[in-house]
Amino acid sequence: MKSVVSDLLPKDTPLQLIIDHGKILEEVSNVMEELTTAYFERKDITDLVHFISQKESDADAIKFKLRTMLDKPVKVPFPKPTIIYAMHLQDDIIDMIEDVAKKMSMNYVDFDLDEEVQQDVVQLVRE
């Protein structure tokens, strides 16, 4: 049962939107290792690329919602430009991950890469 207080407070706050956006960043980052390994093993990565693209669209929707919210008078604990900048940094990373995933899906390696090179790339993705 909802309380009177929860009805008075907004469902989404700017900070909650940034947290939700950050969770999407974490999700797509976690998929990158699996994507990279599957890529080197020449497995089908279509589902992983689709997952990343869908999450990127979800992140864009959150970004739009935040910008719309900040256009209105709303009380936030940080300056609005700082909040927008934080969202922008997260969104850039999500966009880059999507770009890499799409490029991987279009450009398969048709020769065997040295195992050490593969391990180095996977280690880089982990970091």
N, C-alpha and C. Protein backbone atom coordinates (compact mmCIF):
# COMPACT_ATOMS: atom_id res chain seq x y z
N MET A 1 0.84 -1.18 0.00
CA MET A 1 0.00 0.00 0.00
C MET A 1 0.88 1.24 0.00
N LYS A 2 0.57 2.19 -0.84
CA LYS A 2 1.35 3.41 -0.94
C LYS A 2 0.99 4.36 0.19
N SER A 3 1.99 5.06 0.64
CA SER A 3 1.73 6.04 1.70
C SER A 3 1.48 7.41 1.08
N VAL A 4 0.96 8.31 1.89
CA VAL A 4 0.70 9.67 1.44
C VAL A 4 2.00 10.35 1.06
N VAL A 5 3.05 10.09 1.82
CA VAL A 5 4.35 10.71 1.55
C VAL A 5 4.89 10.26 0.20
N SER A 6 4.78 8.98 -0.11
CA SER A 6 5.29 8.50 -1.40
C SER A 6 4.52 9.09 -2.57
N ASP A 7 3.26 9.43 -2.35
CA ASP A 7 2.47 10.08 -3.41
C ASP A 7 2.92 11.52 -3.63
N LEU A 8 3.45 12.15 -2.60
CA LEU A 8 3.89 13.54 -2.71
C LEU A 8 5.27 13.67 -3.35
N LEU A 9 6.10 12.66 -3.16
CA LEU A 9 7.46 12.72 -3.69
C LEU A 9 7.50 12.19 -5.12
N PRO A 10 8.37 12.76 -5.93
CA PRO A 10 8.46 12.27 -7.31
C PRO A 10 9.01 10.85 -7.36
N LYS A 11 8.55 10.10 -8.34
CA LYS A 11 9.01 8.72 -8.51
C LYS A 11 10.50 8.70 -8.87
N ASP A 12 10.87 9.56 -9.77
CA ASP A 12 12.27 9.66 -10.20
C ASP A 12 12.84 10.99 -9.74
N THR A 13 14.05 10.93 -9.24
CA THR A 13 14.78 12.14 -8.90
C THR A 13 16.00 12.20 -9.81
N PRO A 14 16.61 13.36 -9.97
CA PRO A 14 17.80 13.43 -10.81
C PRO A 14 18.90 12.46 -10.36
N LEU A 15 19.09 12.34 -9.06
CA LEU A 15 20.13 11.42 -8.59
C LEU A 15 19.76 9.97 -8.87
N GLN A 16 18.48 9.63 -8.74
CA GLN A 16 18.07 8.26 -9.04
C GLN A 16 18.26 7.96 -10.52
N LEU A 17 18.00 8.93 -11.37
CA LEU A 17 18.21 8.74 -12.81
C LEU A 17 19.68 8.53 -13.13
N ILE A 18 20.56 9.27 -12.46
CA ILE A 18 22.00 9.08 -12.68
C ILE A 18 22.42 7.69 -12.20
N ILE A 19 21.87 7.26 -11.08
CA ILE A 19 22.17 5.92 -10.57
C ILE A 19 21.69 4.86 -11.55
N ASP A 20 20.47 5.00 -12.05
CA ASP A 20 19.93 4.05 -13.03
C ASP A 20 20.78 4.02 -14.30
N HIS A 21 21.21 5.19 -14.73
CA HIS A 21 22.06 5.30 -15.92
C HIS A 21 23.40 4.62 -15.65
N GLY A 22 23.93 4.81 -14.45
CA GLY A 22 25.19 4.16 -14.07
C GLY A 22 25.06 2.65 -14.03
N LYS A 23 23.90 2.15 -13.62
CA LYS A 23 23.68 0.70 -13.61
C LYS A 23 23.70 0.14 -15.02
N ILE A 24 23.16 0.89 -15.97
CA ILE A 24 23.22 0.46 -17.37
C ILE A 24 24.66 0.43 -17.84
N LEU A 25 25.43 1.44 -17.47
CA LEU A 25 26.85 1.46 -17.82
C LEU A 25 27.54 0.22 -17.26
N GLU A 26 27.25 -0.12 -16.03
CA GLU A 26 27.85 -1.31 -15.42
C GLU A 26 27.44 -2.58 -16.17
N GLU A 27 26.16 -2.67 -16.53
CA GLU A 27 25.68 -3.86 -17.25
C GLU A 27 26.40 -4.04 -18.59
N VAL A 28 26.47 -2.97 -19.38
CA VAL A 28 27.11 -3.11 -20.70
C VAL A 28 28.61 -3.33 -20.56
N SER A 29 29.21 -2.75 -19.54
CA SER A 29 30.64 -2.98 -19.30
C SER A 29 30.90 -4.44 -18.95
N ASN A 30 30.01 -5.02 -18.16
CA ASN A 30 30.17 -6.42 -17.77
C ASN A 30 30.01 -7.37 -18.95
N VAL A 31 29.26 -6.99 -19.96
CA VAL A 31 29.04 -7.83 -21.13
C VAL A 31 30.25 -7.79 -22.08
N MET A 32 31.06 -6.76 -21.98
CA MET A 32 32.18 -6.59 -22.92
C MET A 32 33.18 -7.75 -22.89
N GLU A 33 33.46 -8.29 -21.71
CA GLU A 33 34.41 -9.41 -21.65
C GLU A 33 33.84 -10.63 -22.38
N GLU A 34 32.58 -10.93 -22.12
CA GLU A 34 31.93 -12.05 -22.80
C GLU A 34 31.89 -11.82 -24.31
N LEU A 35 31.59 -10.59 -24.71
CA LEU A 35 31.55 -10.24 -26.13
C LEU A 35 32.92 -10.42 -26.78
N THR A 36 33.95 -9.93 -26.12
CA THR A 36 35.30 -10.01 -26.67
C THR A 36 35.76 -11.47 -26.79
N THR A 37 35.51 -12.25 -25.76
CA THR A 37 35.89 -13.66 -25.79
C THR A 37 35.14 -14.39 -26.90
N ALA A 38 33.85 -14.16 -27.01
CA ALA A 38 33.06 -14.80 -28.07
C ALA A 38 33.54 -14.35 -29.45
N TYR A 39 33.92 -13.10 -29.57
CA TYR A 39 34.43 -12.57 -30.83
C TYR A 39 35.69 -13.32 -31.26
N PHE A 40 36.63 -13.47 -30.32
CA PHE A 40 37.87 -14.17 -30.64
C PHE A 40 37.65 -15.65 -30.93
N GLU A 41 36.61 -16.22 -30.33
CA GLU A 41 36.29 -17.63 -30.57
C GLU A 41 35.40 -17.80 -31.79
N ARG A 42 35.13 -16.72 -32.48
CA ARG A 42 34.30 -16.69 -33.69
C ARG A 42 32.89 -17.24 -33.46
N LYS A 43 32.36 -16.93 -32.28
CA LYS A 43 30.99 -17.32 -31.97
C LYS A 43 30.04 -16.21 -32.41
N ASP A 44 28.77 -16.54 -32.48
CA ASP A 44 27.75 -15.55 -32.85
C ASP A 44 27.59 -14.55 -31.69
N ILE A 45 27.81 -13.28 -31.98
CA ILE A 45 27.71 -12.25 -30.95
C ILE A 45 26.47 -11.36 -31.14
N THR A 46 25.59 -11.78 -32.03
CA THR A 46 24.42 -10.97 -32.36
C THR A 46 23.58 -10.63 -31.13
N ASP A 47 23.33 -11.62 -30.28
CA ASP A 47 22.50 -11.37 -29.09
C ASP A 47 23.17 -10.39 -28.14
N LEU A 48 24.47 -10.51 -27.98
CA LEU A 48 25.19 -9.59 -27.08
C LEU A 48 25.17 -8.17 -27.63
N VAL A 49 25.36 -8.03 -28.93
CA VAL A 49 25.33 -6.71 -29.56
C VAL A 49 23.93 -6.11 -29.44
N HIS A 50 22.92 -6.93 -29.64
CA HIS A 50 21.53 -6.46 -29.51
C HIS A 50 21.26 -6.02 -28.07
N PHE A 51 21.74 -6.79 -27.09
CA PHE A 51 21.57 -6.43 -25.68
C PHE A 51 22.20 -5.08 -25.39
N ILE A 52 23.42 -4.87 -25.87
CA ILE A 52 24.12 -3.60 -25.64
C ILE A 52 23.37 -2.46 -26.31
N SER A 53 22.90 -2.67 -27.53
CA SER A 53 22.16 -1.62 -28.24
C SER A 53 20.86 -1.27 -27.51
N GLN A 54 20.18 -2.27 -26.99
CA GLN A 54 18.94 -2.02 -26.25
C GLN A 54 19.23 -1.23 -24.98
N LYS A 55 20.29 -1.61 -24.28
CA LYS A 55 20.66 -0.90 -23.06
C LYS A 55 21.07 0.54 -23.37
N GLU A 56 21.72 0.75 -24.50
CA GLU A 56 22.11 2.10 -24.90
C GLU A 56 20.87 2.95 -25.16
N SER A 57 19.85 2.34 -25.77
CA SER A 57 18.58 3.05 -25.99
C SER A 57 17.91 3.39 -24.66
N ASP A 58 17.96 2.44 -23.73
CA ASP A 58 17.41 2.70 -22.39
C ASP A 58 18.15 3.85 -21.71
N ALA A 59 19.46 3.87 -21.87
CA ALA A 59 20.27 4.94 -21.28
C ALA A 59 19.93 6.29 -21.91
N ASP A 60 19.71 6.31 -23.21
CA ASP A 60 19.32 7.55 -23.88
C ASP A 60 17.96 8.05 -23.36
N ALA A 61 17.05 7.13 -23.10
CA ALA A 61 15.73 7.51 -22.57
C ALA A 61 15.88 8.13 -21.18
N ILE A 62 16.76 7.57 -20.37
CA ILE A 62 17.01 8.13 -19.04
C ILE A 62 17.64 9.51 -19.16
N LYS A 63 18.59 9.65 -20.08
CA LYS A 63 19.24 10.94 -20.29
C LYS A 63 18.22 12.00 -20.71
N PHE A 64 17.32 11.64 -21.60
CA PHE A 64 16.28 12.57 -22.04
C PHE A 64 15.37 12.94 -20.87
N LYS A 65 15.01 11.96 -20.08
CA LYS A 65 14.15 12.20 -18.92
C LYS A 65 14.82 13.15 -17.94
N LEU A 66 16.12 12.96 -17.73
CA LEU A 66 16.86 13.84 -16.81
C LEU A 66 16.91 15.26 -17.35
N ARG A 67 17.22 15.41 -18.62
CA ARG A 67 17.28 16.77 -19.20
C ARG A 67 15.93 17.46 -19.12
N THR A 68 14.87 16.72 -19.39
CA THR A 68 13.52 17.28 -19.29
C THR A 68 13.23 17.70 -17.85
N MET A 69 13.63 16.87 -16.91
CA MET A 69 13.40 17.16 -15.50
C MET A 69 14.18 18.40 -15.07
N LEU A 70 15.41 18.53 -15.54
CA LEU A 70 16.25 19.65 -15.13
C LEU A 70 15.86 20.96 -15.82
N ASP A 71 15.07 20.87 -16.88
CA ASP A 71 14.56 22.09 -17.52
C ASP A 71 13.51 22.78 -16.66
N LYS A 72 12.91 22.01 -15.77
CA LYS A 72 11.89 22.55 -14.87
C LYS A 72 12.55 22.93 -13.54
N PRO A 73 11.88 23.77 -12.78
CA PRO A 73 12.44 24.08 -11.46
C PRO A 73 12.39 22.84 -10.56
N VAL A 74 13.54 22.33 -10.23
CA VAL A 74 13.64 21.15 -9.38
C VAL A 74 14.81 21.35 -8.44
N LYS A 75 14.64 20.92 -7.22
CA LYS A 75 15.69 21.07 -6.23
C LYS A 75 16.67 19.90 -6.34
N VAL A 76 17.93 20.21 -6.55
CA VAL A 76 18.95 19.18 -6.65
C VAL A 76 20.13 19.53 -5.74
N PRO A 77 20.83 18.51 -5.23
CA PRO A 77 21.91 18.78 -4.28
C PRO A 77 23.21 19.27 -4.94
N PHE A 78 23.27 19.23 -6.26
CA PHE A 78 24.46 19.67 -6.99
C PHE A 78 24.03 20.66 -8.06
N PRO A 79 24.96 21.46 -8.54
CA PRO A 79 24.60 22.35 -9.66
C PRO A 79 24.12 21.53 -10.87
N LYS A 80 23.12 22.03 -11.54
CA LYS A 80 22.56 21.31 -12.69
C LYS A 80 23.62 20.99 -13.75
N PRO A 81 24.53 21.93 -14.07
CA PRO A 81 25.55 21.58 -15.07
C PRO A 81 26.43 20.40 -14.64
N THR A 82 26.67 20.26 -13.35
CA THR A 82 27.47 19.15 -12.85
C THR A 82 26.73 17.83 -13.06
N ILE A 83 25.44 17.83 -12.81
CA ILE A 83 24.63 16.63 -13.00
C ILE A 83 24.59 16.24 -14.48
N ILE A 84 24.40 17.23 -15.33
CA ILE A 84 24.37 16.96 -16.78
C ILE A 84 25.73 16.45 -17.25
N TYR A 85 26.80 17.03 -16.73
CA TYR A 85 28.15 16.60 -17.11
C TYR A 85 28.40 15.14 -16.68
N ALA A 86 27.98 14.79 -15.47
CA ALA A 86 28.16 13.41 -15.00
C ALA A 86 27.41 12.44 -15.91
N MET A 87 26.19 12.80 -16.28
CA MET A 87 25.40 11.96 -17.17
C MET A 87 26.08 11.87 -18.54
N HIS A 88 26.62 12.98 -19.01
CA HIS A 88 27.29 13.01 -20.31
C HIS A 88 28.49 12.07 -20.32
N LEU A 89 29.28 12.08 -19.26
CA LEU A 89 30.45 11.19 -19.19
C LEU A 89 30.03 9.73 -19.24
N GLN A 90 29.02 9.38 -18.47
CA GLN A 90 28.53 8.00 -18.48
C GLN A 90 28.00 7.63 -19.87
N ASP A 91 27.24 8.53 -20.46
CA ASP A 91 26.62 8.25 -21.74
C ASP A 91 27.65 8.07 -22.85
N ASP A 92 28.72 8.86 -22.80
CA ASP A 92 29.79 8.70 -23.79
C ASP A 92 30.39 7.30 -23.74
N ILE A 93 30.59 6.78 -22.54
CA ILE A 93 31.17 5.44 -22.40
C ILE A 93 30.21 4.39 -22.95
N ILE A 94 28.94 4.53 -22.62
CA ILE A 94 27.94 3.58 -23.13
C ILE A 94 27.89 3.63 -24.65
N ASP A 95 27.93 4.82 -25.22
CA ASP A 95 27.93 4.97 -26.69
C ASP A 95 29.16 4.32 -27.31
N MET A 96 30.32 4.50 -26.68
CA MET A 96 31.55 3.89 -27.21
C MET A 96 31.48 2.37 -27.15
N ILE A 97 30.94 1.84 -26.07
CA ILE A 97 30.80 0.38 -25.95
C ILE A 97 29.88 -0.14 -27.05
N GLU A 98 28.79 0.57 -27.30
CA GLU A 98 27.89 0.15 -28.38
C GLU A 98 28.60 0.22 -29.73
N ASP A 99 29.36 1.27 -29.97
CA ASP A 99 30.10 1.39 -31.24
C ASP A 99 31.07 0.24 -31.43
N VAL A 100 31.81 -0.09 -30.38
CA VAL A 100 32.77 -1.20 -30.46
C VAL A 100 32.03 -2.51 -30.74
N ALA A 101 30.93 -2.74 -30.03
CA ALA A 101 30.17 -3.97 -30.22
C ALA A 101 29.66 -4.08 -31.66
N LYS A 102 29.14 -2.99 -32.20
CA LYS A 102 28.64 -3.02 -33.58
C LYS A 102 29.76 -3.24 -34.58
N LYS A 103 30.91 -2.62 -34.34
CA LYS A 103 32.05 -2.83 -35.24
C LYS A 103 32.54 -4.27 -35.17
N MET A 104 32.52 -4.85 -33.98
CA MET A 104 32.92 -6.25 -33.85
C MET A 104 31.96 -7.15 -34.62
N SER A 105 30.68 -6.82 -34.61
CA SER A 105 29.70 -7.65 -35.31
C SER A 105 29.84 -7.56 -36.82
N MET A 106 30.41 -6.46 -37.30
CA MET A 106 30.55 -6.28 -38.75
C MET A 106 31.91 -6.72 -39.27
N ASN A 107 32.90 -6.83 -38.39
CA ASN A 107 34.27 -7.11 -38.82
C ASN A 107 34.84 -8.30 -38.06
N TYR A 108 34.54 -9.48 -38.56
CA TYR A 108 35.07 -10.67 -37.92
C TYR A 108 36.54 -10.86 -38.29
N VAL A 109 37.30 -11.37 -37.34
CA VAL A 109 38.70 -11.71 -37.58
C VAL A 109 38.70 -13.08 -38.25
N ASP A 110 39.20 -13.15 -39.47
CA ASP A 110 39.16 -14.42 -40.18
C ASP A 110 40.51 -15.13 -40.17
N PHE A 111 41.33 -14.80 -39.19
CA PHE A 111 42.59 -15.50 -38.99
C PHE A 111 42.80 -15.66 -37.49
N ASP A 112 43.65 -16.60 -37.13
CA ASP A 112 43.89 -16.85 -35.71
C ASP A 112 44.83 -15.81 -35.13
N LEU A 113 44.36 -15.15 -34.11
CA LEU A 113 45.21 -14.22 -33.38
C LEU A 113 46.02 -14.99 -32.36
N ASP A 114 47.21 -14.53 -32.13
CA ASP A 114 48.05 -15.14 -31.11
C ASP A 114 47.30 -15.15 -29.78
N GLU A 115 47.39 -16.26 -29.06
CA GLU A 115 46.68 -16.41 -27.78
C GLU A 115 47.06 -15.31 -26.80
N GLU A 116 48.31 -14.92 -26.81
CA GLU A 116 48.77 -13.86 -25.90
C GLU A 116 48.11 -12.53 -26.23
N VAL A 117 47.95 -12.24 -27.50
CA VAL A 117 47.28 -11.00 -27.92
C VAL A 117 45.82 -11.03 -27.47
N GLN A 118 45.16 -12.17 -27.66
CA GLN A 118 43.77 -12.29 -27.22
C GLN A 118 43.65 -12.07 -25.72
N GLN A 119 44.55 -12.67 -24.95
CA GLN A 119 44.51 -12.51 -23.50
C GLN A 119 44.77 -11.07 -23.09
N ASP A 120 45.68 -10.40 -23.80
CA ASP A 120 45.95 -8.99 -23.50
C ASP A 120 44.72 -8.12 -23.76
N VAL A 121 44.03 -8.38 -24.85
CA VAL A 121 42.83 -7.60 -25.18
C VAL A 121 41.73 -7.86 -24.15
N VAL A 122 41.54 -9.12 -23.78
CA VAL A 122 40.52 -9.44 -22.77
C VAL A 122 40.88 -8.80 -21.43
N GLN A 123 42.16 -8.81 -21.08
CA GLN A 123 42.60 -8.16 -19.84
C GLN A 123 42.33 -6.65 -19.89
N LEU A 124 42.57 -6.06 -21.03
CA LEU A 124 42.29 -4.63 -21.20
C LEU A 124 40.80 -4.34 -21.03
N VAL A 125 39.97 -5.21 -21.57
CA VAL A 125 38.52 -5.05 -21.44
C VAL A 125 38.11 -5.16 -19.97
N ARG A 126 38.73 -6.07 -19.24
CA ARG A 126 38.41 -6.23 -17.81
C ARG A 126 38.71 -4.97 -17.02
N GLU A 127 39.78 -4.30 -17.40
CA GLU A 127 40.20 -3.11 -16.66
C GLU A 127 39.34 -1.93 -17.03
